[in-house]
Amino acid sequence: MHNLHAQPRIRVEIGAGSYDAQARELPGDERDALYPRVVEKAPQFGEYQAKTERVIPLFELVRV
């Protein structure tokens, strides 16, 4: 997380393809609306969130 805040311009690699992107941490309301969908796809994130008091951040990656 600290790296994305310090350097939000990133290179995303998926399979043989790649693209440049800008990372943006989702603010509370956006994060809260999306987090249940993340947990639906990856239940371990819900388990992890239940074990900690801190809010697990979510980032949006926007192709540039």
PDB file of N, CA and C in Angstrom:
ATOM      1  N   MET A   1       0.816  -1.174   0.000  1.00  0.00           N
ATOM      2  CA  MET A   1       0.000   0.000   0.000  1.00  0.00           C
ATOM      3  C   MET A   1       0.870   1.252   0.000  1.00  0.00           C
ATOM      4  N   HIS A   2       1.902   1.260   0.820  1.00  0.00           N
ATOM      5  CA  HIS A   2       2.761   2.443   0.891  1.00  0.00           C
ATOM      6  C   HIS A   2       3.434   2.695  -0.456  1.00  0.00           C
ATOM      7  N   ASN A   3       3.814   1.625  -1.147  1.00  0.00           N
ATOM      8  CA  ASN A   3       4.445   1.784  -2.452  1.00  0.00           C
ATOM      9  C   ASN A   3       3.490   2.404  -3.462  1.00  0.00           C
ATOM     10  N   LEU A   4       2.218   2.009  -3.439  1.00  0.00           N
ATOM     11  CA  LEU A   4       1.248   2.572  -4.384  1.00  0.00           C
ATOM     12  C   LEU A   4       0.960   4.037  -4.089  1.00  0.00           C
ATOM     13  N   HIS A   5       1.001   4.423  -2.822  1.00  0.00           N
ATOM     14  CA  HIS A   5       0.822   5.836  -2.486  1.00  0.00           C
ATOM     15  C   HIS A   5       2.036   6.639  -2.949  1.00  0.00           C
ATOM     16  N   ALA A   6       3.217   6.096  -2.754  1.00  0.00           N
ATOM     17  CA  ALA A   6       4.444   6.794  -3.126  1.00  0.00           C
ATOM     18  C   ALA A   6       4.638   6.854  -4.634  1.00  0.00           C
ATOM     19  N   GLN A   7       4.226   5.813  -5.332  1.00  0.00           N
ATOM     20  CA  GLN A   7       4.425   5.722  -6.782  1.00  0.00           C
ATOM     21  C   GLN A   7       3.164   5.115  -7.407  1.00  0.00           C
ATOM     22  N   PRO A   8       2.126   5.939  -7.626  1.00  0.00           N
ATOM     23  CA  PRO A   8       0.868   5.399  -8.143  1.00  0.00           C
ATOM     24  C   PRO A   8       0.902   5.009  -9.620  1.00  0.00           C
ATOM     25  N   ARG A   9       1.905   5.463 -10.374  1.00  0.00           N
ATOM     26  CA  ARG A   9       2.022   5.034 -11.781  1.00  0.00           C
ATOM     27  C   ARG A   9       2.670   3.664 -11.789  1.00  0.00           C
ATOM     28  N   ILE A  10       1.977   2.693 -12.376  1.00  0.00           N
ATOM     29  CA  ILE A  10       2.453   1.313 -12.334  1.00  0.00           C
ATOM     30  C   ILE A  10       2.353   0.659 -13.701  1.00  0.00           C
ATOM     31  N   ARG A  11       2.922  -0.510 -13.805  1.00  0.00           N
ATOM     32  CA  ARG A  11       2.817  -1.347 -15.001  1.00  0.00           C
ATOM     33  C   ARG A  11       2.101  -2.624 -14.586  1.00  0.00           C
ATOM     34  N   VAL A  12       0.985  -2.924 -15.238  1.00  0.00           N
ATOM     35  CA  VAL A  12       0.196  -4.118 -14.941  1.00  0.00           C
ATOM     36  C   VAL A  12       0.546  -5.182 -15.966  1.00  0.00           C
ATOM     37  N   GLU A  13       0.843  -6.388 -15.507  1.00  0.00           N
ATOM     38  CA  GLU A  13       1.145  -7.507 -16.401  1.00  0.00           C
ATOM     39  C   GLU A  13       0.125  -8.608 -16.168  1.00  0.00           C
ATOM     40  N   ILE A  14      -0.563  -8.998 -17.241  1.00  0.00           N
ATOM     41  CA  ILE A  14      -1.546 -10.083 -17.193  1.00  0.00           C
ATOM     42  C   ILE A  14      -1.217 -11.031 -18.331  1.00  0.00           C
ATOM     43  N   GLY A  15      -0.801 -12.238 -17.978  1.00  0.00           N
ATOM     44  CA  GLY A  15      -0.394 -13.189 -19.005  1.00  0.00           C
ATOM     45  C   GLY A  15       0.746 -12.601 -19.817  1.00  0.00           C
ATOM     46  N   ALA A  16       0.607 -12.621 -21.145  1.00  0.00           N
ATOM     47  CA  ALA A  16       1.645 -12.087 -22.023  1.00  0.00           C
ATOM     48  C   ALA A  16       1.481 -10.590 -22.265  1.00  0.00           C
ATOM     49  N   GLY A  17       0.369  -9.994 -21.828  1.00  0.00           N
ATOM     50  CA  GLY A  17       0.103  -8.576 -22.066  1.00  0.00           C
ATOM     51  C   GLY A  17       0.445  -7.707 -20.874  1.00  0.00           C
ATOM     52  N   SER A  18       0.587  -6.411 -21.139  1.00  0.00           N
ATOM     53  CA  SER A  18       0.852  -5.455 -20.068  1.00  0.00           C
ATOM     54  C   SER A  18       0.364  -4.072 -20.486  1.00  0.00           C
ATOM     55  N   TYR A  19       0.148  -3.215 -19.486  1.00  0.00           N
ATOM     56  CA  TYR A  19      -0.257  -1.837 -19.758  1.00  0.00           C
ATOM     57  C   TYR A  19       0.120  -0.954 -18.573  1.00  0.00           C
ATOM     58  N   ASP A  20       0.241   0.349 -18.829  1.00  0.00           N
ATOM     59  CA  ASP A  20       0.501   1.322 -17.776  1.00  0.00           C
ATOM     60  C   ASP A  20      -0.819   1.682 -17.115  1.00  0.00           C
ATOM     61  N   ALA A  21      -0.760   1.943 -15.805  1.00  0.00           N
ATOM     62  CA  ALA A  21      -1.970   2.281 -15.067  1.00  0.00           C
ATOM     63  C   ALA A  21      -1.639   3.261 -13.946  1.00  0.00           C
ATOM     64  N   GLN A  22      -2.678   3.867 -13.428  1.00  0.00           N
ATOM     65  CA  GLN A  22      -2.600   4.761 -12.278  1.00  0.00           C
ATOM     66  C   GLN A  22      -3.397   4.107 -11.151  1.00  0.00           C
ATOM     67  N   ALA A  23      -2.781   3.962  -9.987  1.00  0.00           N
ATOM     68  CA  ALA A  23      -3.457   3.365  -8.831  1.00  0.00           C
ATOM     69  C   ALA A  23      -4.097   4.465  -8.000  1.00  0.00           C
ATOM     70  N   ARG A  24      -5.320   4.187  -7.529  1.00  0.00           N
ATOM     71  CA  ARG A  24      -6.042   5.131  -6.680  1.00  0.00           C
ATOM     72  C   ARG A  24      -6.699   4.344  -5.559  1.00  0.00           C
ATOM     73  N   GLU A  25      -6.379   4.715  -4.317  1.00  0.00           N
ATOM     74  CA  GLU A  25      -7.040   4.054  -3.194  1.00  0.00           C
ATOM     75  C   GLU A  25      -8.489   4.503  -3.146  1.00  0.00           C
ATOM     76  N   LEU A  26      -9.389   3.542  -3.027  1.00  0.00           N
ATOM     77  CA  LEU A  26     -10.809   3.872  -2.976  1.00  0.00           C
ATOM     78  C   LEU A  26     -11.149   4.481  -1.623  1.00  0.00           C
ATOM     79  N   PRO A  27     -11.872   5.616  -1.626  1.00  0.00           N
ATOM     80  CA  PRO A  27     -12.294   6.207  -0.351  1.00  0.00           C
ATOM     81  C   PRO A  27     -13.329   5.318   0.331  1.00  0.00           C
ATOM     82  N   GLY A  28     -13.587   5.571   1.593  1.00  0.00           N
ATOM     83  CA  GLY A  28     -14.431   4.730   2.428  1.00  0.00           C
ATOM     84  C   GLY A  28     -15.729   4.257   1.812  1.00  0.00           C
ATOM     85  N   ASP A  29     -16.532   5.167   1.258  1.00  0.00           N
ATOM     86  CA  ASP A  29     -17.831   4.758   0.730  1.00  0.00           C
ATOM     87  C   ASP A  29     -17.694   3.857  -0.486  1.00  0.00           C
ATOM     88  N   GLU A  30     -16.751   4.164  -1.368  1.00  0.00           N
ATOM     89  CA  GLU A  30     -16.525   3.323  -2.549  1.00  0.00           C
ATOM     90  C   GLU A  30     -15.959   1.963  -2.140  1.00  0.00           C
ATOM     91  N   ARG A  31     -15.025   1.981  -1.222  1.00  0.00           N
ATOM     92  CA  ARG A  31     -14.407   0.743  -0.738  1.00  0.00           C
ATOM     93  C   ARG A  31     -15.458  -0.141  -0.068  1.00  0.00           C
ATOM     94  N   ASP A  32     -16.286   0.468   0.781  1.00  0.00           N
ATOM     95  CA  ASP A  32     -17.306  -0.291   1.504  1.00  0.00           C
ATOM     96  C   ASP A  32     -18.339  -0.908   0.562  1.00  0.00           C
ATOM     97  N   ALA A  33     -18.655  -0.215  -0.520  1.00  0.00           N
ATOM     98  CA  ALA A  33     -19.619  -0.741  -1.489  1.00  0.00           C
ATOM     99  C   ALA A  33     -19.037  -1.911  -2.278  1.00  0.00           C
ATOM    100  N   LEU A  34     -17.747  -1.881  -2.550  1.00  0.00           N
ATOM    101  CA  LEU A  34     -17.107  -2.898  -3.383  1.00  0.00           C
ATOM    102  C   LEU A  34     -16.588  -4.101  -2.593  1.00  0.00           C
ATOM    103  N   TYR A  35     -16.232  -3.909  -1.334  1.00  0.00           N
ATOM    104  CA  TYR A  35     -15.578  -4.971  -0.567  1.00  0.00           C
ATOM    105  C   TYR A  35     -16.380  -6.270  -0.508  1.00  0.00           C
ATOM    106  N   PRO A  36     -17.703  -6.233  -0.360  1.00  0.00           N
ATOM    107  CA  PRO A  36     -18.449  -7.500  -0.361  1.00  0.00           C
ATOM    108  C   PRO A  36     -18.273  -8.307  -1.649  1.00  0.00           C
ATOM    109  N   ARG A  37     -18.117  -7.643  -2.773  1.00  0.00           N
ATOM    110  CA  ARG A  37     -17.882  -8.350  -4.039  1.00  0.00           C
ATOM    111  C   ARG A  37     -16.509  -9.003  -4.042  1.00  0.00           C
ATOM    112  N   VAL A  38     -15.529  -8.330  -3.450  1.00  0.00           N
ATOM    113  CA  VAL A  38     -14.189  -8.910  -3.334  1.00  0.00           C
ATOM    114  C   VAL A  38     -14.259 -10.175  -2.477  1.00  0.00           C
ATOM    115  N   VAL A  39     -14.953 -10.093  -1.353  1.00  0.00           N
ATOM    116  CA  VAL A  39     -15.078 -11.236  -0.444  1.00  0.00           C
ATOM    117  C   VAL A  39     -15.831 -12.381  -1.117  1.00  0.00           C
ATOM    118  N   GLU A  40     -16.809 -12.049  -1.939  1.00  0.00           N
ATOM    119  CA  GLU A  40     -17.552 -13.083  -2.665  1.00  0.00           C
ATOM    120  C   GLU A  40     -16.624 -13.898  -3.560  1.00  0.00           C
ATOM    121  N   LYS A  41     -15.686 -13.220  -4.212  1.00  0.00           N
ATOM    122  CA  LYS A  41     -14.739 -13.889  -5.114  1.00  0.00           C
ATOM    123  C   LYS A  41     -13.556 -14.507  -4.372  1.00  0.00           C
ATOM    124  N   ALA A  42     -13.180 -13.907  -3.246  1.00  0.00           N
ATOM    125  CA  ALA A  42     -12.009 -14.366  -2.482  1.00  0.00           C
ATOM    126  C   ALA A  42     -12.338 -14.295  -0.989  1.00  0.00           C
ATOM    127  N   PRO A  43     -13.028 -15.309  -0.453  1.00  0.00           N
ATOM    128  CA  PRO A  43     -13.495 -15.282   0.940  1.00  0.00           C
ATOM    129  C   PRO A  43     -12.405 -15.035   1.984  1.00  0.00           C
ATOM    130  N   GLN A  44     -11.177 -15.351   1.664  1.00  0.00           N
ATOM    131  CA  GLN A  44     -10.098 -15.141   2.633  1.00  0.00           C
ATOM    132  C   GLN A  44      -9.957 -13.669   3.016  1.00  0.00           C
ATOM    133  N   PHE A  45     -10.369 -12.750   2.140  1.00  0.00           N
ATOM    134  CA  PHE A  45     -10.298 -11.328   2.485  1.00  0.00           C
ATOM    135  C   PHE A  45     -11.306 -10.985   3.576  1.00  0.00           C
ATOM    136  N   GLY A  46     -12.463 -11.624   3.569  1.00  0.00           N
ATOM    137  CA  GLY A  46     -13.441 -11.433   4.636  1.00  0.00           C
ATOM    138  C   GLY A  46     -12.941 -11.982   5.953  1.00  0.00           C
ATOM    139  N   GLU A  47     -12.300 -13.136   5.899  1.00  0.00           N
ATOM    140  CA  GLU A  47     -11.736 -13.744   7.101  1.00  0.00           C
ATOM    141  C   GLU A  47     -10.631 -12.861   7.674  1.00  0.00           C
ATOM    142  N   TYR A  48      -9.791 -12.337   6.798  1.00  0.00           N
ATOM    143  CA  TYR A  48      -8.701 -11.471   7.240  1.00  0.00           C
ATOM    144  C   TYR A  48      -9.259 -10.189   7.851  1.00  0.00           C
ATOM    145  N   GLN A  49     -10.268  -9.578   7.211  1.00  0.00           N
ATOM    146  CA  GLN A  49     -10.857  -8.347   7.723  1.00  0.00           C
ATOM    147  C   GLN A  49     -11.454  -8.570   9.112  1.00  0.00           C
ATOM    148  N   ALA A  50     -12.064  -9.738   9.332  1.00  0.00           N
ATOM    149  CA  ALA A  50     -12.676 -10.046  10.624  1.00  0.00           C
ATOM    150  C   ALA A  50     -11.640 -10.187  11.737  1.00  0.00           C
ATOM    151  N   LYS A  51     -10.409 -10.486  11.388  1.00  0.00           N
ATOM    152  CA  LYS A  51      -9.355 -10.711  12.381  1.00  0.00           C
ATOM    153  C   LYS A  51      -8.560  -9.455  12.715  1.00  0.00           C
ATOM    154  N   THR A  52      -8.827  -8.350  12.028  1.00  0.00           N
ATOM    155  CA  THR A  52      -8.053  -7.135  12.253  1.00  0.00           C
ATOM    156  C   THR A  52      -8.985  -5.954  12.495  1.00  0.00           C
ATOM    157  N   GLU A  53      -8.471  -4.946  13.189  1.00  0.00           N
ATOM    158  CA  GLU A  53      -9.259  -3.736  13.420  1.00  0.00           C
ATOM    159  C   GLU A  53      -9.041  -2.711  12.316  1.00  0.00           C
ATOM    160  N   ARG A  54      -7.969  -2.864  11.573  1.00  0.00           N
ATOM    161  CA  ARG A  54      -7.699  -1.893  10.508  1.00  0.00           C
ATOM    162  C   ARG A  54      -8.560  -2.216   9.288  1.00  0.00           C
ATOM    163  N   VAL A  55      -8.793  -1.208   8.485  1.00  0.00           N
ATOM    164  CA  VAL A  55      -9.556  -1.390   7.255  1.00  0.00           C
ATOM    165  C   VAL A  55      -8.593  -1.819   6.154  1.00  0.00           C
ATOM    166  N   ILE A  56      -8.898  -2.912   5.492  1.00  0.00           N
ATOM    167  CA  ILE A  56      -8.065  -3.380   4.388  1.00  0.00           C
ATOM    168  C   ILE A  56      -8.375  -2.507   3.176  1.00  0.00           C
ATOM    169  N   PRO A  57      -7.382  -1.812   2.638  1.00  0.00           N
ATOM    170  CA  PRO A  57      -7.643  -0.894   1.531  1.00  0.00           C
ATOM    171  C   PRO A  57      -7.872  -1.625   0.210  1.00  0.00           C
ATOM    172  N   LEU A  58      -8.610  -0.963  -0.661  1.00  0.00           N
ATOM    173  CA  LEU A  58      -8.786  -1.432  -2.038  1.00  0.00           C
ATOM    174  C   LEU A  58      -8.306  -0.333  -2.968  1.00  0.00           C
ATOM    175  N   PHE A  59      -7.688  -0.740  -4.064  1.00  0.00           N
ATOM    176  CA  PHE A  59      -7.189   0.209  -5.049  1.00  0.00           C
ATOM    177  C   PHE A  59      -7.849  -0.037  -6.392  1.00  0.00           C
ATOM    178  N   GLU A  60      -8.124   1.045  -7.080  1.00  0.00           N
ATOM    179  CA  GLU A  60      -8.601   0.991  -8.463  1.00  0.00           C
ATOM    180  C   GLU A  60      -7.386   1.210  -9.355  1.00  0.00           C
ATOM    181  N   LEU A  61      -7.247   0.397 -10.391  1.00  0.00           N
ATOM    182  CA  LEU A  61      -6.166   0.570 -11.360  1.00  0.00           C
ATOM    183  C   LEU A  61      -6.787   1.051 -12.656  1.00  0.00           C
ATOM    184  N   VAL A  62      -6.415   2.263 -13.071  1.00  0.00           N
ATOM    185  CA  VAL A  62      -6.984   2.880 -14.263  1.00  0.00           C
ATOM    186  C   VAL A  62      -5.928   2.894 -15.356  1.00  0.00           C
ATOM    187  N   ARG A  63      -6.262   2.307 -16.477  1.00  0.00           N
ATOM    188  CA  ARG A  63      -5.332   2.277 -17.612  1.00  0.00           C
ATOM    189  C   ARG A  63      -5.064   3.708 -18.086  1.00  0.00           C
ATOM    190  N   VAL A  64      -3.784   4.006 -18.336  1.00  0.00           N
ATOM    191  CA  VAL A  64      -3.407   5.341 -18.838  1.00  0.00           C
ATOM    192  C   VAL A  64      -2.701   5.232 -20.165  1.00  0.00           C
TER     193      VAL A  64
END
